[in-house]
Each structure stands twice: as C-alpha cells, then as structure tokens.
N, C-alpha and C. Protein backbone atom coordinates (compact mmCIF):
# COMPACT_ATOMS: atom_id res chain seq x y z
N UNK A 1 -17.26 -16.36 2.18
CA UNK A 1 -16.72 -15.16 1.61
C UNK A 1 -17.84 -14.41 0.87
N UNK A 2 -18.63 -15.15 0.11
CA UNK A 2 -19.70 -14.51 -0.64
C UNK A 2 -20.70 -13.84 0.29
N UNK A 3 -21.01 -14.47 1.40
CA UNK A 3 -21.99 -13.89 2.33
C UNK A 3 -21.45 -12.62 2.98
N UNK A 4 -20.15 -12.55 3.26
CA UNK A 4 -19.57 -11.32 3.81
C UNK A 4 -19.64 -10.18 2.80
N UNK A 5 -19.35 -10.49 1.55
CA UNK A 5 -19.41 -9.46 0.50
C UNK A 5 -20.85 -9.00 0.30
N UNK A 6 -21.78 -9.93 0.26
CA UNK A 6 -23.19 -9.57 0.10
C UNK A 6 -23.70 -8.75 1.27
N UNK A 7 -23.31 -9.11 2.47
CA UNK A 7 -23.73 -8.36 3.66
C UNK A 7 -23.15 -6.94 3.64
N UNK A 8 -21.91 -6.81 3.22
CA UNK A 8 -21.30 -5.49 3.12
C UNK A 8 -22.06 -4.62 2.12
N UNK A 9 -22.35 -5.18 0.97
CA UNK A 9 -23.09 -4.42 -0.06
C UNK A 9 -24.48 -4.04 0.46
N UNK A 10 -25.13 -4.95 1.15
CA UNK A 10 -26.48 -4.69 1.68
C UNK A 10 -26.44 -3.56 2.71
N UNK A 11 -25.33 -3.43 3.43
CA UNK A 11 -25.17 -2.37 4.43
C UNK A 11 -24.49 -1.13 3.88
N UNK A 12 -24.37 -1.08 2.54
CA UNK A 12 -23.77 0.06 1.84
C UNK A 12 -22.33 0.33 2.30
N UNK A 13 -21.57 -0.74 2.41
CA UNK A 13 -20.16 -0.68 2.80
C UNK A 13 -19.34 -1.20 1.62
N UNK A 14 -18.23 -0.56 1.36
CA UNK A 14 -17.32 -1.03 0.32
C UNK A 14 -16.75 -2.39 0.75
N UNK A 15 -17.08 -3.47 0.05
CA UNK A 15 -16.65 -4.80 0.47
C UNK A 15 -15.13 -4.94 0.61
N UNK A 16 -14.38 -4.34 -0.29
CA UNK A 16 -12.92 -4.46 -0.22
C UNK A 16 -12.38 -3.84 1.05
N UNK A 17 -12.87 -2.67 1.41
CA UNK A 17 -12.41 -2.00 2.63
C UNK A 17 -12.77 -2.81 3.86
N UNK A 18 -13.98 -3.32 3.87
CA UNK A 18 -14.45 -4.12 5.01
C UNK A 18 -13.62 -5.39 5.16
N UNK A 19 -13.40 -6.11 4.06
CA UNK A 19 -12.64 -7.36 4.13
C UNK A 19 -11.17 -7.12 4.48
N UNK A 20 -10.57 -6.08 3.92
CA UNK A 20 -9.18 -5.77 4.27
C UNK A 20 -9.06 -5.49 5.76
N UNK A 21 -9.97 -4.70 6.29
CA UNK A 21 -9.95 -4.39 7.71
C UNK A 21 -10.22 -5.65 8.55
N UNK A 22 -11.18 -6.44 8.12
CA UNK A 22 -11.52 -7.68 8.82
C UNK A 22 -10.30 -8.58 8.95
N UNK A 23 -9.59 -8.83 7.84
CA UNK A 23 -8.45 -9.73 7.87
C UNK A 23 -7.26 -9.13 8.60
N UNK A 24 -7.21 -7.81 8.72
CA UNK A 24 -6.15 -7.16 9.49
C UNK A 24 -6.43 -7.26 10.98
N UNK A 25 -7.68 -7.03 11.37
CA UNK A 25 -8.04 -7.00 12.80
C UNK A 25 -8.38 -8.36 13.38
N UNK A 26 -8.71 -9.32 12.57
CA UNK A 26 -9.16 -10.63 13.04
C UNK A 26 -8.16 -11.33 13.97
N UNK A 27 -6.87 -11.38 13.65
CA UNK A 27 -5.95 -12.10 14.53
C UNK A 27 -5.86 -11.53 15.95
N UNK A 28 -6.11 -10.25 16.12
CA UNK A 28 -5.97 -9.65 17.45
C UNK A 28 -7.32 -9.37 18.13
N UNK A 29 -8.40 -9.87 17.57
CA UNK A 29 -9.73 -9.68 18.14
C UNK A 29 -10.12 -10.89 18.96
N UNK A 30 -10.57 -10.64 20.18
CA UNK A 30 -10.99 -11.75 21.04
C UNK A 30 -12.31 -12.33 20.54
N UNK A 31 -12.59 -13.56 20.95
CA UNK A 31 -13.83 -14.21 20.50
C UNK A 31 -15.07 -13.46 20.98
N UNK A 32 -14.98 -12.77 22.11
CA UNK A 32 -16.12 -12.01 22.62
C UNK A 32 -16.42 -10.80 21.75
N UNK A 33 -15.46 -10.32 20.97
CA UNK A 33 -15.63 -9.11 20.16
C UNK A 33 -15.74 -9.38 18.66
N UNK A 34 -15.90 -10.63 18.27
CA UNK A 34 -15.97 -10.95 16.84
C UNK A 34 -17.18 -10.31 16.16
N UNK A 35 -18.27 -10.15 16.86
CA UNK A 35 -19.48 -9.59 16.26
C UNK A 35 -19.25 -8.17 15.73
N UNK A 36 -18.33 -7.43 16.33
CA UNK A 36 -18.07 -6.07 15.87
C UNK A 36 -17.42 -6.04 14.48
N UNK A 37 -16.92 -7.17 14.02
CA UNK A 37 -16.30 -7.23 12.70
C UNK A 37 -17.28 -7.62 11.60
N UNK A 38 -18.48 -8.04 11.98
CA UNK A 38 -19.49 -8.39 10.97
C UNK A 38 -19.96 -7.14 10.25
N UNK A 39 -20.32 -7.25 8.98
CA UNK A 39 -20.67 -6.06 8.20
C UNK A 39 -21.79 -5.19 8.78
N UNK A 40 -22.75 -5.77 9.49
CA UNK A 40 -23.83 -4.95 10.04
C UNK A 40 -23.40 -4.18 11.28
N UNK A 41 -22.23 -4.49 11.87
CA UNK A 41 -21.71 -3.77 13.04
C UNK A 41 -20.39 -3.07 12.75
N UNK A 42 -19.82 -3.33 11.59
CA UNK A 42 -18.48 -2.87 11.27
C UNK A 42 -18.39 -1.34 11.19
N UNK A 43 -17.33 -0.82 11.75
CA UNK A 43 -17.01 0.60 11.66
C UNK A 43 -15.61 0.72 11.08
N UNK A 44 -15.41 1.64 10.13
CA UNK A 44 -14.06 1.78 9.59
C UNK A 44 -13.08 2.21 10.67
N UNK A 45 -11.82 1.82 10.53
CA UNK A 45 -10.84 2.20 11.54
C UNK A 45 -10.69 3.72 11.61
N UNK A 46 -10.45 4.20 12.82
CA UNK A 46 -10.33 5.65 13.03
C UNK A 46 -9.00 6.18 12.56
C-alpha cells in the first residue's frame, strides 16, 4: 500500500483518487491489463 501511495505522489497523482479507481477497476481488469492500473501508467476514468 505504501509503495502505491509513494508511486502516485512521485507521478504527481492524487493518491486517494488513484487508489479509489484502482480498487473499483481491479475486479474487472484482466491479468494482461493490470499494468495500466499502476501509478506510472494510470489514467483517470473518462
């Protein structure tokens, strides 16, 4: 958890927004697409 928050801050992303989106999208994300949820690739939902 700490590493996700630190990575979000390092990428100038609001950690709360990133984590909320991560935990919302994680159950429906395939294993091939998990990298898109990491803070360095994360995009806010449209």
